[in-house]
């Protein structure tokens, strides 16, 4: 088991509050693709569909959800970019 670097600062952050599906996932995916393998992205998403759909879609793309926590009326999802095959 590799360390998940708990508490390590993310390499990048996206605040997608107010961004509707599917644009929040598209923005998250594009940001992850621009990052290096193994880097950490923190994304802030609205409650409801965004927090239900985006983490699932990101996982389906092969990235790792490290944590998910409530922030005000939103949630912060911390994602590790997948390694390329």
Protein backbone atom coordinates (compact mmCIF):
# COMPACT_ATOMS: atom_id res chain seq x y z
CA UNK A 1 0.00 0.00 0.00
CA UNK A 2 1.38 3.37 -1.00
CA UNK A 3 1.04 6.37 1.24
CA UNK A 4 -1.81 8.69 0.31
CA UNK A 5 0.04 11.71 1.66
CA UNK A 6 -2.72 12.66 4.08
CA UNK A 7 -2.70 16.38 4.62
CA UNK A 8 -0.32 17.04 1.73
CA UNK A 9 -1.29 20.22 -0.12
CA UNK A 10 -2.89 19.61 -3.52
CA UNK A 11 -0.88 20.45 -6.63
CA UNK A 12 -3.90 22.29 -8.07
CA UNK A 13 -7.40 23.33 -7.04
CA UNK A 14 -10.63 23.92 -8.95
CA UNK A 15 -13.65 25.71 -7.47
CA UNK A 16 -16.58 24.46 -9.52
CA UNK A 17 -19.39 25.76 -7.32
CA UNK A 18 -22.20 26.95 -9.56
CA UNK A 19 -20.95 24.87 -12.52
CA UNK A 20 -23.60 22.43 -13.73
CA UNK A 21 -23.23 18.84 -14.94
CA UNK A 22 -21.62 17.80 -17.21
CA UNK A 23 -19.38 20.89 -17.39
CA UNK A 24 -17.98 20.34 -13.90
CA UNK A 25 -16.78 16.85 -14.89
CA UNK A 26 -15.39 18.11 -18.21
CA UNK A 27 -13.41 20.85 -16.42
CA UNK A 28 -12.15 18.34 -13.83
CA UNK A 29 -11.12 15.86 -16.53
CA UNK A 30 -9.29 18.51 -18.59
CA UNK A 31 -7.44 19.77 -15.50
CA UNK A 32 -6.38 16.23 -14.55
CA UNK A 33 -5.16 15.58 -18.11
CA UNK A 34 -2.98 18.69 -17.91
CA UNK A 35 -1.37 17.52 -14.66
CA UNK A 36 1.53 15.11 -14.08
CA UNK A 37 0.97 11.48 -13.09
CA UNK A 38 0.33 11.12 -9.36
CA UNK A 39 -0.33 14.82 -8.76
CA UNK A 40 -3.21 15.80 -6.47
CA UNK A 41 -6.20 17.90 -7.56
CA UNK A 42 -8.68 19.37 -5.09
CA UNK A 43 -12.13 20.12 -6.55
CA UNK A 44 -14.97 21.94 -4.79
CA UNK A 45 -18.38 20.79 -6.03
CA UNK A 46 -21.97 21.67 -5.22
CA UNK A 47 -24.19 19.25 -3.33
CA UNK A 48 -26.64 17.10 -5.29
CA UNK A 49 -25.87 15.86 -8.78
CA UNK A 50 -22.31 17.29 -8.96
CA UNK A 51 -21.07 15.50 -5.83
CA UNK A 52 -22.89 12.31 -6.84
CA UNK A 53 -21.72 12.28 -10.47
CA UNK A 54 -18.24 13.82 -10.70
CA UNK A 55 -16.38 11.50 -8.26
CA UNK A 56 -17.97 8.45 -9.93
CA UNK A 57 -17.03 9.69 -13.41
CA UNK A 58 -13.47 10.52 -12.31
CA UNK A 59 -13.11 7.02 -10.82
CA UNK A 60 -14.39 5.53 -14.07
CA UNK A 61 -11.56 7.40 -15.85
CA UNK A 62 -9.06 5.55 -13.63
CA UNK A 63 -8.18 8.36 -11.20
CA UNK A 64 -8.17 7.80 -7.43
CA UNK A 65 -10.52 9.62 -5.04
CA UNK A 66 -8.38 10.23 -1.93
CA UNK A 67 -11.01 12.00 0.15
CA UNK A 68 -14.36 13.71 0.06
CA UNK A 69 -15.41 16.16 2.76
CA UNK A 70 -18.12 18.79 3.24
CA UNK A 71 -17.12 22.45 2.90
CA UNK A 72 -19.88 24.97 3.71
CA UNK A 73 -22.77 24.03 1.39
CA UNK A 74 -20.40 22.19 -0.96
CA UNK A 75 -17.91 19.32 -0.91
CA UNK A 76 -14.18 19.10 -1.51
CA UNK A 77 -13.04 16.04 -3.46
CA UNK A 78 -9.32 15.26 -3.52
CA UNK A 79 -8.21 13.27 -6.56
CA UNK A 80 -4.88 11.67 -7.48
CA UNK A 81 -4.18 11.70 -11.20
CA UNK A 82 -3.80 8.23 -12.65
CA UNK A 83 -0.53 6.95 -14.06
CA UNK A 84 -0.50 6.50 -17.81
CA UNK A 85 -0.20 2.92 -19.00
